[in-house]
Amino acid sequence: MSELHGPSGGGASADAWLTPTVAAIAGFTIAVLSLLTNGAWVLALQSFIARDGSNAFEDVVMATGVTQGLLAVTALVLGRRGLASTAVTARNLGGATAVLGVLGLVVAFLTVVAGLIAAT
């Protein structure tokens, strides 16, 4: 009888559970999150920065830009796996992830620049 669900056992690699299509879907979702700057993650970041009483606007803006950049890079890494796949769905989602990931990097860069300008 053939195995349908990949290798069994405790030593299954990440390839067994993170297929190219799943990686592309995750990357696309993270790329969209990198572009949403009024989400809950920004509020959490702002609360973390203001935890000691200082709440400088430029600090929040620069931290938001850095976080956006990290999310966009993560999305691009996951989307690359989809682009390398032979599955059409994974390639399409990987391409959309690449577009949104690059746009997320541009927005992150502009956000950090805006924070630096506000700091001067």
N, C-alpha and C. Protein backbone atom coordinates (compact mmCIF):
# COMPACT_ATOMS: atom_id res chain seq x y z
N MET A 1 0.85 -1.17 0.00
CA MET A 1 0.00 0.00 0.00
C MET A 1 0.90 1.24 0.00
N SER A 2 0.60 2.21 -0.80
CA SER A 2 1.45 3.38 -0.89
C SER A 2 1.07 4.42 0.17
N GLU A 3 2.06 5.25 0.52
CA GLU A 3 1.82 6.31 1.49
C GLU A 3 1.28 7.53 0.76
N LEU A 4 0.17 8.05 1.25
CA LEU A 4 -0.44 9.20 0.61
C LEU A 4 -0.05 10.52 1.26
N HIS A 5 0.34 10.50 2.49
CA HIS A 5 0.55 11.74 3.23
C HIS A 5 2.01 12.00 3.55
N GLY A 6 2.92 11.53 2.79
CA GLY A 6 4.33 11.80 3.01
C GLY A 6 4.91 10.85 4.03
N PRO A 7 6.12 11.13 4.44
CA PRO A 7 6.80 10.23 5.37
C PRO A 7 6.15 10.28 6.74
N SER A 8 6.10 9.13 7.38
CA SER A 8 5.55 9.09 8.73
C SER A 8 6.69 8.98 9.72
N GLY A 9 6.36 9.25 10.94
CA GLY A 9 7.38 9.17 11.98
C GLY A 9 7.67 10.54 12.55
N GLY A 10 8.47 10.57 13.59
CA GLY A 10 8.76 11.80 14.30
C GLY A 10 9.74 12.70 13.57
N GLY A 11 10.49 12.19 12.62
CA GLY A 11 11.51 12.99 11.97
C GLY A 11 11.09 13.60 10.65
N ALA A 12 9.80 13.85 10.46
CA ALA A 12 9.34 14.43 9.20
C ALA A 12 9.87 15.85 9.07
N SER A 13 10.32 16.21 7.89
CA SER A 13 10.89 17.53 7.68
C SER A 13 9.79 18.56 7.45
N ALA A 14 10.22 19.81 7.34
CA ALA A 14 9.27 20.89 7.11
C ALA A 14 8.61 20.76 5.75
N ASP A 15 9.27 20.08 4.81
CA ASP A 15 8.69 19.90 3.48
C ASP A 15 7.41 19.09 3.53
N ALA A 16 7.26 18.22 4.53
CA ALA A 16 6.09 17.37 4.61
C ALA A 16 4.84 18.16 4.97
N TRP A 17 4.98 19.22 5.75
CA TRP A 17 3.78 19.96 6.17
C TRP A 17 3.67 21.34 5.54
N LEU A 18 4.75 21.88 5.01
CA LEU A 18 4.71 23.19 4.37
C LEU A 18 4.90 23.02 2.87
N THR A 19 3.81 22.69 2.20
CA THR A 19 3.86 22.50 0.76
C THR A 19 4.05 23.85 0.08
N PRO A 20 4.44 23.88 -1.18
CA PRO A 20 4.60 25.16 -1.87
C PRO A 20 3.32 25.99 -1.91
N THR A 21 2.17 25.33 -2.05
CA THR A 21 0.91 26.08 -2.07
C THR A 21 0.63 26.69 -0.71
N VAL A 22 0.85 25.93 0.34
CA VAL A 22 0.64 26.46 1.69
C VAL A 22 1.62 27.59 1.98
N ALA A 23 2.87 27.45 1.56
CA ALA A 23 3.85 28.50 1.76
C ALA A 23 3.45 29.76 1.01
N ALA A 24 2.92 29.61 -0.21
CA ALA A 24 2.49 30.77 -0.98
C ALA A 24 1.29 31.45 -0.34
N ILE A 25 0.36 30.67 0.20
CA ILE A 25 -0.80 31.24 0.88
C ILE A 25 -0.35 32.00 2.13
N ALA A 26 0.53 31.39 2.91
CA ALA A 26 1.04 32.05 4.10
C ALA A 26 1.81 33.32 3.74
N GLY A 27 2.62 33.24 2.70
CA GLY A 27 3.37 34.42 2.26
C GLY A 27 2.46 35.53 1.80
N PHE A 28 1.41 35.19 1.06
CA PHE A 28 0.45 36.19 0.59
C PHE A 28 -0.23 36.86 1.78
N THR A 29 -0.63 36.06 2.76
CA THR A 29 -1.29 36.61 3.94
C THR A 29 -0.36 37.54 4.71
N ILE A 30 0.89 37.14 4.87
CA ILE A 30 1.86 37.98 5.58
C ILE A 30 2.16 39.24 4.78
N ALA A 31 2.20 39.15 3.45
CA ALA A 31 2.42 40.34 2.63
C ALA A 31 1.29 41.33 2.79
N VAL A 32 0.07 40.84 2.85
CA VAL A 32 -1.07 41.74 3.08
C VAL A 32 -0.96 42.38 4.46
N LEU A 33 -0.58 41.60 5.46
CA LEU A 33 -0.42 42.15 6.81
C LEU A 33 0.67 43.22 6.85
N SER A 34 1.70 43.07 6.04
CA SER A 34 2.76 44.07 6.03
C SER A 34 2.27 45.41 5.49
N LEU A 35 1.21 45.38 4.70
CA LEU A 35 0.68 46.62 4.14
C LEU A 35 -0.43 47.24 4.99
N LEU A 36 -0.95 46.50 5.96
CA LEU A 36 -2.01 47.01 6.83
C LEU A 36 -1.39 47.67 8.05
N THR A 37 -1.30 48.99 8.04
CA THR A 37 -0.66 49.67 9.16
C THR A 37 -1.64 50.11 10.23
N ASN A 38 -2.93 49.88 10.07
CA ASN A 38 -3.85 50.20 11.15
C ASN A 38 -4.42 48.93 11.76
N GLY A 39 -3.64 47.90 11.78
CA GLY A 39 -4.08 46.64 12.35
C GLY A 39 -3.71 46.52 13.81
N ALA A 40 -4.08 45.43 14.38
CA ALA A 40 -3.82 45.18 15.80
C ALA A 40 -2.33 45.08 16.08
N TRP A 41 -1.54 44.63 15.10
CA TRP A 41 -0.11 44.49 15.35
C TRP A 41 0.56 45.84 15.57
N VAL A 42 0.05 46.92 14.95
CA VAL A 42 0.62 48.25 15.16
C VAL A 42 0.28 48.74 16.55
N LEU A 43 -0.95 48.48 17.00
CA LEU A 43 -1.34 48.87 18.35
C LEU A 43 -0.49 48.14 19.39
N ALA A 44 -0.26 46.86 19.15
CA ALA A 44 0.60 46.09 20.07
C ALA A 44 2.02 46.64 20.07
N LEU A 45 2.53 46.98 18.92
CA LEU A 45 3.88 47.55 18.81
C LEU A 45 3.95 48.90 19.52
N GLN A 46 2.95 49.73 19.33
CA GLN A 46 2.92 51.04 19.98
C GLN A 46 2.83 50.88 21.50
N SER A 47 2.04 49.94 21.96
CA SER A 47 1.94 49.69 23.41
C SER A 47 3.27 49.21 23.97
N PHE A 48 3.99 48.38 23.22
CA PHE A 48 5.28 47.89 23.67
C PHE A 48 6.29 49.04 23.76
N ILE A 49 6.29 49.93 22.80
CA ILE A 49 7.23 51.05 22.80
C ILE A 49 6.91 52.01 23.94
N ALA A 50 5.62 52.23 24.21
CA ALA A 50 5.19 53.20 25.23
C ALA A 50 5.13 52.60 26.63
N ARG A 51 5.62 51.40 26.82
CA ARG A 51 5.47 50.72 28.11
C ARG A 51 6.21 51.43 29.24
N ASP A 52 7.26 52.19 28.95
CA ASP A 52 8.01 52.87 30.00
C ASP A 52 7.61 54.34 30.15
N GLY A 53 6.56 54.76 29.49
CA GLY A 53 6.04 56.12 29.63
C GLY A 53 6.41 57.04 28.49
N SER A 54 7.45 56.75 27.76
CA SER A 54 7.80 57.61 26.62
C SER A 54 7.06 57.12 25.39
N ASN A 55 6.48 58.04 24.68
CA ASN A 55 5.70 57.67 23.51
C ASN A 55 6.02 58.63 22.37
N ALA A 56 7.26 58.57 21.90
CA ALA A 56 7.68 59.45 20.82
C ALA A 56 7.10 58.96 19.50
N PHE A 57 6.48 59.87 18.78
CA PHE A 57 5.84 59.54 17.51
C PHE A 57 6.82 58.93 16.53
N GLU A 58 8.01 59.50 16.43
CA GLU A 58 8.98 58.99 15.45
C GLU A 58 9.45 57.58 15.80
N ASP A 59 9.52 57.25 17.09
CA ASP A 59 9.89 55.89 17.47
C ASP A 59 8.86 54.88 17.00
N VAL A 60 7.59 55.23 17.17
CA VAL A 60 6.51 54.34 16.74
C VAL A 60 6.52 54.18 15.23
N VAL A 61 6.74 55.28 14.52
CA VAL A 61 6.74 55.23 13.05
C VAL A 61 7.91 54.38 12.55
N MET A 62 9.09 54.59 13.10
CA MET A 62 10.25 53.81 12.65
C MET A 62 10.11 52.34 13.01
N ALA A 63 9.60 52.05 14.20
CA ALA A 63 9.40 50.65 14.59
C ALA A 63 8.35 49.99 13.70
N THR A 64 7.33 50.73 13.33
CA THR A 64 6.32 50.20 12.41
C THR A 64 6.94 49.89 11.06
N GLY A 65 7.79 50.78 10.56
CA GLY A 65 8.46 50.54 9.28
C GLY A 65 9.38 49.33 9.31
N VAL A 66 10.11 49.18 10.39
CA VAL A 66 11.01 48.02 10.51
C VAL A 66 10.20 46.73 10.57
N THR A 67 9.11 46.74 11.33
CA THR A 67 8.25 45.56 11.41
C THR A 67 7.61 45.25 10.07
N GLN A 68 7.18 46.27 9.35
CA GLN A 68 6.63 46.07 8.01
C GLN A 68 7.68 45.43 7.11
N GLY A 69 8.90 45.89 7.19
CA GLY A 69 9.97 45.33 6.37
C GLY A 69 10.23 43.86 6.70
N LEU A 70 10.23 43.52 7.98
CA LEU A 70 10.45 42.13 8.38
C LEU A 70 9.31 41.24 7.89
N LEU A 71 8.08 41.73 7.98
CA LEU A 71 6.94 40.96 7.47
C LEU A 71 7.04 40.77 5.96
N ALA A 72 7.44 41.82 5.24
CA ALA A 72 7.55 41.73 3.79
C ALA A 72 8.65 40.75 3.38
N VAL A 73 9.77 40.75 4.09
CA VAL A 73 10.85 39.81 3.78
C VAL A 73 10.39 38.38 4.04
N THR A 74 9.69 38.17 5.15
CA THR A 74 9.15 36.84 5.45
C THR A 74 8.20 36.39 4.35
N ALA A 75 7.35 37.29 3.90
CA ALA A 75 6.41 36.97 2.82
C ALA A 75 7.16 36.60 1.54
N LEU A 76 8.23 37.34 1.22
CA LEU A 76 9.00 37.04 0.01
C LEU A 76 9.69 35.68 0.10
N VAL A 77 10.17 35.33 1.27
CA VAL A 77 10.82 34.02 1.44
C VAL A 77 9.80 32.91 1.22
N LEU A 78 8.61 33.06 1.79
CA LEU A 78 7.57 32.05 1.60
C LEU A 78 7.05 32.03 0.16
N GLY A 79 6.90 33.21 -0.44
CA GLY A 79 6.43 33.29 -1.81
C GLY A 79 7.41 32.69 -2.81
N ARG A 80 8.69 32.77 -2.51
CA ARG A 80 9.71 32.18 -3.38
C ARG A 80 9.52 30.68 -3.52
N ARG A 81 9.11 30.06 -2.44
CA ARG A 81 8.85 28.62 -2.49
C ARG A 81 7.68 28.31 -3.42
N GLY A 82 6.66 29.16 -3.41
CA GLY A 82 5.54 28.98 -4.32
C GLY A 82 5.93 29.20 -5.77
N LEU A 83 6.79 30.18 -6.02
CA LEU A 83 7.23 30.45 -7.39
C LEU A 83 8.04 29.30 -7.97
N ALA A 84 8.75 28.58 -7.13
CA ALA A 84 9.58 27.48 -7.61
C ALA A 84 8.79 26.19 -7.81
N SER A 85 7.52 26.21 -7.49
CA SER A 85 6.70 25.00 -7.57
C SER A 85 6.22 24.74 -8.99
N THR A 86 5.85 23.49 -9.23
CA THR A 86 5.25 23.14 -10.52
C THR A 86 3.74 23.29 -10.49
N ALA A 87 3.15 23.46 -9.30
CA ALA A 87 1.70 23.63 -9.19
C ALA A 87 1.32 25.04 -9.62
N VAL A 88 0.31 25.14 -10.46
CA VAL A 88 -0.11 26.43 -11.01
C VAL A 88 -0.60 27.36 -9.90
N THR A 89 -1.38 26.85 -8.97
CA THR A 89 -1.90 27.67 -7.88
C THR A 89 -0.77 28.25 -7.05
N ALA A 90 0.21 27.42 -6.73
CA ALA A 90 1.34 27.88 -5.93
C ALA A 90 2.13 28.95 -6.67
N ARG A 91 2.34 28.77 -7.97
CA ARG A 91 3.07 29.77 -8.76
C ARG A 91 2.31 31.08 -8.82
N ASN A 92 1.00 31.02 -9.03
CA ASN A 92 0.19 32.24 -9.09
C ASN A 92 0.21 32.98 -7.75
N LEU A 93 0.00 32.26 -6.67
CA LEU A 93 0.05 32.90 -5.36
C LEU A 93 1.45 33.39 -5.03
N GLY A 94 2.47 32.65 -5.45
CA GLY A 94 3.84 33.09 -5.24
C GLY A 94 4.13 34.39 -5.98
N GLY A 95 3.61 34.52 -7.20
CA GLY A 95 3.78 35.76 -7.95
C GLY A 95 3.07 36.94 -7.30
N ALA A 96 1.85 36.70 -6.83
CA ALA A 96 1.11 37.76 -6.14
C ALA A 96 1.82 38.14 -4.84
N THR A 97 2.38 37.15 -4.17
CA THR A 97 3.13 37.41 -2.94
C THR A 97 4.37 38.24 -3.24
N ALA A 98 5.04 37.95 -4.33
CA ALA A 98 6.24 38.71 -4.70
C ALA A 98 5.89 40.17 -4.96
N VAL A 99 4.80 40.40 -5.67
CA VAL A 99 4.38 41.78 -5.96
C VAL A 99 4.05 42.52 -4.66
N LEU A 100 3.23 41.90 -3.81
CA LEU A 100 2.85 42.54 -2.55
C LEU A 100 4.03 42.66 -1.60
N GLY A 101 4.93 41.67 -1.61
CA GLY A 101 6.10 41.74 -0.75
C GLY A 101 7.03 42.89 -1.12
N VAL A 102 7.26 43.07 -2.40
CA VAL A 102 8.09 44.20 -2.85
C VAL A 102 7.40 45.52 -2.53
N LEU A 103 6.10 45.59 -2.74
CA LEU A 103 5.35 46.80 -2.37
C LEU A 103 5.44 47.03 -0.86
N GLY A 104 5.38 45.98 -0.08
CA GLY A 104 5.52 46.09 1.37
C GLY A 104 6.89 46.62 1.76
N LEU A 105 7.94 46.18 1.06
CA LEU A 105 9.28 46.70 1.33
C LEU A 105 9.39 48.19 1.00
N VAL A 106 8.77 48.60 -0.10
CA VAL A 106 8.79 50.02 -0.47
C VAL A 106 8.07 50.86 0.59
N VAL A 107 6.90 50.39 1.01
CA VAL A 107 6.13 51.11 2.04
C VAL A 107 6.91 51.14 3.36
N ALA A 108 7.56 50.04 3.70
CA ALA A 108 8.36 49.99 4.93
C ALA A 108 9.51 51.00 4.86
N PHE A 109 10.18 51.05 3.73
CA PHE A 109 11.27 52.01 3.56
C PHE A 109 10.76 53.44 3.72
N LEU A 110 9.64 53.74 3.07
CA LEU A 110 9.08 55.10 3.17
C LEU A 110 8.63 55.42 4.59
N THR A 111 8.14 54.43 5.30
CA THR A 111 7.71 54.63 6.69
C THR A 111 8.91 54.94 7.57
N VAL A 112 10.01 54.21 7.40
CA VAL A 112 11.21 54.47 8.18
C VAL A 112 11.77 55.86 7.85
N VAL A 113 11.78 56.22 6.59
CA VAL A 113 12.24 57.55 6.18
C VAL A 113 11.36 58.63 6.82
N ALA A 114 10.06 58.42 6.83
CA ALA A 114 9.16 59.40 7.47
C ALA A 114 9.46 59.51 8.97
N GLY A 115 9.77 58.40 9.62
CA GLY A 115 10.14 58.44 11.03
C GLY A 115 11.44 59.18 11.26
N LEU A 116 12.40 58.98 10.37
CA LEU A 116 13.69 59.69 10.49
C LEU A 116 13.52 61.19 10.27
N ILE A 117 12.65 61.55 9.32
CA ILE A 117 12.39 62.97 9.07
C ILE A 117 11.70 63.60 10.27
N ALA A 118 10.75 62.87 10.88
CA ALA A 118 10.04 63.38 12.05
C ALA A 118 10.97 63.53 13.24
N ALA A 119 12.02 62.71 13.29
CA ALA A 119 12.96 62.76 14.41
C ALA A 119 13.91 63.96 14.34
N THR A 120 14.04 64.55 13.15
CA THR A 120 14.97 65.68 13.00
C THR A 120 14.28 66.99 13.17
